[in-house]
C-alpha atoms as a PDB file:
ATOM      1  CA  MET A   1       7.811  -3.967 -22.207  1.00  0.00           C
ATOM      2  CA  THR A   2       4.933  -4.239 -19.877  1.00  0.00           C
ATOM      3  CA  THR A   3       1.669  -5.843 -20.937  1.00  0.00           C
ATOM      4  CA  PRO A   4      -1.806  -4.706 -19.748  1.00  0.00           C
ATOM      5  CA  GLY A   5      -1.830  -7.548 -17.096  1.00  0.00           C
ATOM      6  CA  GLY A   6       1.917  -6.799 -16.184  1.00  0.00           C
ATOM      7  CA  ALA A   7       3.381  -5.073 -13.225  1.00  0.00           C
ATOM      8  CA  LEU A   8       2.690  -1.450 -14.393  1.00  0.00           C
ATOM      9  CA  ALA A   9      -0.897  -2.337 -14.714  1.00  0.00           C
ATOM     10  CA  ARG A  10      -1.023  -2.705 -10.914  1.00  0.00           C
ATOM     11  CA  LYS A  11      -1.876   0.295  -8.940  1.00  0.00           C
ATOM     12  CA  VAL A  12      -0.654   0.923  -5.422  1.00  0.00           C
ATOM     13  CA  LEU A  13      -2.117   3.606  -3.161  1.00  0.00           C
ATOM     14  CA  LEU A  14       0.618   4.915  -1.037  1.00  0.00           C
ATOM     15  CA  ILE A  15      -0.523   6.987   1.996  1.00  0.00           C
ATOM     16  CA  GLU A  16       2.562   8.668   3.468  1.00  0.00           C
ATOM     17  CA  PRO A  17       3.069  12.255   4.831  1.00  0.00           C
ATOM     18  CA  ASP A  18       6.833  12.245   4.143  1.00  0.00           C
ATOM     19  CA  GLY A  19       7.331  13.712   0.731  1.00  0.00           C
ATOM     20  CA  LEU A  20      10.844  12.157   0.315  1.00  0.00           C
ATOM     21  CA  VAL A  21       9.623   8.650   1.156  1.00  0.00           C
ATOM     22  CA  ARG A  22       6.588   9.072  -1.013  1.00  0.00           C
ATOM     23  CA  GLY A  23       8.493  10.262  -4.038  1.00  0.00           C
ATOM     24  CA  THR A  24      11.275   7.768  -3.680  1.00  0.00           C
ATOM     25  CA  VAL A  25       8.998   4.774  -3.391  1.00  0.00           C
ATOM     26  CA  ALA A  26       6.957   5.976  -6.367  1.00  0.00           C
ATOM     27  CA  SER A  27       9.798   6.573  -8.675  1.00  0.00           C
ATOM     28  CA  VAL A  28      11.644   3.286  -7.805  1.00  0.00           C
ATOM     29  CA  CYS A  29       8.404   1.306  -8.393  1.00  0.00           C
ATOM     30  CA  ARG A  30       7.902   2.948 -11.841  1.00  0.00           C
ATOM     31  CA  GLU A  31      11.580   2.559 -12.828  1.00  0.00           C
ATOM     32  CA  MET A  32      11.686  -1.090 -11.698  1.00  0.00           C
ATOM     33  CA  GLN A  33       8.153  -1.589 -13.275  1.00  0.00           C
ATOM     34  CA  ILE A  34       6.719  -2.965  -9.923  1.00  0.00           C
ATOM     35  CA  ALA A  35       3.580  -0.898  -9.993  1.00  0.00           C
ATOM     36  CA  ARG A  36       2.092   2.477 -10.666  1.00  0.00           C
ATOM     37  CA  VAL A  37       1.837   4.355  -7.398  1.00  0.00           C
ATOM     38  CA  ARG A  38      -0.837   6.985  -6.640  1.00  0.00           C
ATOM     39  CA  GLN A  39       0.740   9.118  -3.848  1.00  0.00           C
ATOM     40  CA  THR A  40      -1.399  10.643  -1.114  1.00  0.00           C
ATOM     41  CA  ILE A  41      -0.239  12.585   1.956  1.00  0.00           C
ATOM     42  CA  SER A  42      -3.022  11.473   4.406  1.00  0.00           C
ATOM     43  CA  VAL A  43      -5.950   9.204   4.974  1.00  0.00           C
ATOM     44  CA  ALA A  44      -8.349  12.096   4.105  1.00  0.00           C
ATOM     45  CA  SER A  45      -6.596  12.590   0.673  1.00  0.00           C
ATOM     46  CA  ALA A  46      -6.639   8.832   0.073  1.00  0.00           C
ATOM     47  CA  GLU A  47     -10.318   8.614   0.795  1.00  0.00           C
ATOM     48  CA  GLN A  48     -10.947  11.547  -1.628  1.00  0.00           C
ATOM     49  CA  TRP A  49      -8.980   9.596  -4.320  1.00  0.00           C
ATOM     50  CA  LEU A  50     -10.778   6.313  -3.543  1.00  0.00           C
ATOM     51  CA  LYS A  51     -14.022   7.960  -4.741  1.00  0.00           C
ATOM     52  CA  THR A  52     -12.756   7.531  -8.304  1.00  0.00           C
ATOM     53  CA  GLY A  53      -9.659   5.422  -8.117  1.00  0.00           C
ATOM     54  CA  ALA A  54      -9.410   1.546  -7.439  1.00  0.00           C
ATOM     55  CA  PRO A  55      -5.918   0.369  -6.462  1.00  0.00           C
ATOM     56  CA  GLN A  56      -4.858  -3.301  -6.247  1.00  0.00           C
ATOM     57  CA  ALA A  57      -2.833  -2.731  -2.940  1.00  0.00           C
ATOM     58  CA  VAL A  58      -2.410  -0.178  -0.210  1.00  0.00           C
ATOM     59  CA  LEU A  59       0.927   0.993   1.427  1.00  0.00           C
ATOM     60  CA  ILE A  60       0.015   2.958   4.495  1.00  0.00           C
ATOM     61  CA  SER A  61       1.929   4.871   7.013  1.00  0.00           C
ATOM     62  CA  LEU A  62       0.426   4.429  10.448  1.00  0.00           C
ATOM     63  CA  VAL A  63       1.744   7.955  11.499  1.00  0.00           C
ATOM     64  CA  GLU A  64      -1.960   9.143  11.737  1.00  0.00           C
ATOM     65  CA  GLY A  65      -2.665   6.684  14.318  1.00  0.00           C
ATOM     66  CA  ASP A  66      -6.386   5.776  14.928  1.00  0.00           C
ATOM     67  CA  ALA A  67      -7.337   7.597  11.719  1.00  0.00           C
ATOM     68  CA  ALA A  68      -5.131   5.078   9.684  1.00  0.00           C
ATOM     69  CA  LEU A  69      -6.630   2.097  11.521  1.00  0.00           C
ATOM     70  CA  ASP A  70     -10.083   3.431  11.143  1.00  0.00           C
ATOM     71  CA  PHE A  71      -9.369   3.839   7.374  1.00  0.00           C
ATOM     72  CA  LEU A  72      -8.204   0.205   7.224  1.00  0.00           C
ATOM     73  CA  SER A  73     -11.436  -0.955   9.090  1.00  0.00           C
ATOM     74  CA  ARG A  74     -13.563   0.846   6.544  1.00  0.00           C
ATOM     75  CA  LEU A  75     -11.472  -0.487   3.643  1.00  0.00           C
ATOM     76  CA  ARG A  76     -12.102  -4.057   4.918  1.00  0.00           C
ATOM     77  CA  ALA A  77     -15.734  -3.429   5.358  1.00  0.00           C
ATOM     78  CA  GLY A  78     -16.060  -2.527   1.708  1.00  0.00           C
ATOM     79  CA  ALA A  79     -16.592   1.194   2.115  1.00  0.00           C
ATOM     80  CA  PHE A  80     -14.684   2.145  -1.045  1.00  0.00           C
ATOM     81  CA  ARG A  81     -15.074   1.104  -4.654  1.00  0.00           C
ATOM     82  CA  CYS A  82     -11.860  -0.993  -4.460  1.00  0.00           C
ATOM     83  CA  GLU A  83     -11.565  -4.644  -3.501  1.00  0.00           C
ATOM     84  CA  ALA A  84     -12.042  -4.976   0.294  1.00  0.00           C
ATOM     85  CA  ASP A  85      -9.526  -7.863   0.504  1.00  0.00           C
ATOM     86  CA  MET A  86      -6.725  -6.250  -1.478  1.00  0.00           C
ATOM     87  CA  PRO A  87      -3.192  -6.669   0.001  1.00  0.00           C
ATOM     88  CA  VAL A  88      -2.202  -4.018   2.606  1.00  0.00           C
ATOM     89  CA  VAL A  89       1.219  -3.111   3.806  1.00  0.00           C
ATOM     90  CA  ALA A  90       1.601  -0.922   6.909  1.00  0.00           C
ATOM     91  CA  MET A  91       4.582   1.160   7.830  1.00  0.00           C
ATOM     92  CA  THR A  92       5.307   2.417  11.352  1.00  0.00           C
ATOM     93  CA  ARG A  93       8.172   3.487  13.515  1.00  0.00           C
ATOM     94  CA  VAL A  94       6.795   2.073  16.777  1.00  0.00           C
ATOM     95  CA  VAL A  95       5.030  -1.220  17.256  1.00  0.00           C
ATOM     96  CA  ASP A  96       3.568  -3.163  20.307  1.00  0.00           C
ATOM     97  CA  ALA A  97       1.618  -6.297  20.763  1.00  0.00           C
ATOM     98  CA  ALA A  98      -1.661  -4.514  20.668  1.00  0.00           C
ATOM     99  CA  LEU A  99      -0.946  -2.874  17.267  1.00  0.00           C
ATOM    100  CA  VAL A 100       0.261  -6.220  15.825  1.00  0.00           C
ATOM    101  CA  ALA A 101      -3.031  -7.758  16.962  1.00  0.00           C
ATOM    102  CA  ARG A 102      -5.068  -4.994  15.531  1.00  0.00           C
ATOM    103  CA  LEU A 103      -3.187  -5.301  12.137  1.00  0.00           C
ATOM    104  CA  LYS A 104      -3.675  -8.917  12.090  1.00  0.00           C
ATOM    105  CA  GLU A 105      -7.513  -8.418  12.567  1.00  0.00           C
ATOM    106  CA  LEU A 106      -7.371  -6.007   9.629  1.00  0.00           C
ATOM    107  CA  ASP A 107      -5.569  -8.635   7.468  1.00  0.00           C
ATOM    108  CA  VAL A 108      -2.413  -6.457   6.996  1.00  0.00           C
ATOM    109  CA  ARG A 109      -0.126  -8.711   4.970  1.00  0.00           C
ATOM    110  CA  ARG A 110       3.198  -6.977   5.915  1.00  0.00           C
ATOM    111  CA  LEU A 111       4.517  -4.542   8.458  1.00  0.00           C
ATOM    112  CA  LEU A 112       7.587  -2.447   7.642  1.00  0.00           C
ATOM    113  CA  LEU A 113       9.436  -0.848  10.543  1.00  0.00           C
ATOM    114  CA  GLN A 114      10.695   2.593   9.869  1.00  0.00           C
ATOM    115  CA  PRO A 115      13.381   3.600   9.039  1.00  0.00           C
ATOM    116  CA  PHE A 116      13.498   0.802   6.434  1.00  0.00           C
ATOM    117  CA  ARG A 117      15.724   0.255   3.407  1.00  0.00           C
ATOM    118  CA  LEU A 118      14.153   0.974   0.021  1.00  0.00           C
ATOM    119  CA  HIS A 119      15.081  -2.608  -0.909  1.00  0.00           C
ATOM    120  CA  ASP A 120      12.609  -3.797   1.873  1.00  0.00           C
ATOM    121  CA  VAL A 121       9.710  -1.835   0.333  1.00  0.00           C
ATOM    122  CA  ILE A 122      10.494  -3.129  -3.065  1.00  0.00           C
ATOM    123  CA  HIS A 123      10.774  -6.722  -1.997  1.00  0.00           C
ATOM    124  CA  THR A 124       7.610  -6.403   0.025  1.00  0.00           C
ATOM    125  CA  LEU A 125       5.654  -5.026  -2.902  1.00  0.00           C
ATOM    126  CA  GLU A 126       6.976  -7.576  -5.330  1.00  0.00           C
ATOM    127  CA  GLN A 127       5.756 -10.264  -2.968  1.00  0.00           C
ATOM    128  CA  LEU A 128       2.146  -9.033  -2.786  1.00  0.00           C
ATOM    129  CA  TRP A 129       1.204 -10.716  -6.052  1.00  0.00           C
ATOM    130  CA  PRO A 130       1.979 -14.272  -7.217  1.00  0.00           C
ATOM    131  CA  ALA A 131       4.639 -14.465 -10.075  1.00  0.00           C
ATOM    132  CA  ARG A 132       2.060 -15.789 -12.447  1.00  0.00           C
ATOM    133  CA  GLU A 133       0.226 -12.535 -12.368  1.00  0.00           C
ATOM    134  CA  ALA A 134       3.115 -10.699 -13.768  1.00  0.00           C
ATOM    135  CA  LEU A 135       3.401 -12.834 -16.811  1.00  0.00           C
ATOM    136  CA  PRO A 136       1.786 -11.905 -20.163  1.00  0.00           C
ATOM    137  CA  ALA A 137      -1.525 -13.664 -20.731  1.00  0.00           C
END
């Protein structure tokens, strides 16, 4: 059973163009009661959803390159109705020193290199919130 302050009360915005990855992450998070996942296929669709939705974390694919980084800049600047300092996890296939530096500037908490194991995503999401937040009030 999950309480209103429990794991399923947490909302994660997943921005990932790959439908298989999106669906798998969302269903595993639901089954393991880690969080409710709002799936979007692009930064543009995420921005649309953020007009009414307010997640507690973002899991973003960097496949859109500069558009993804610009989105994170706007997020950190408070351009959306969610918390500007919420946890962010980035996913990418290729990384270099410049990207790592930019992600640090944007306060990205974790970087997952693709292809990754589903266990890595689950573990990463579980680590975003302190254990005391998952306990009933």
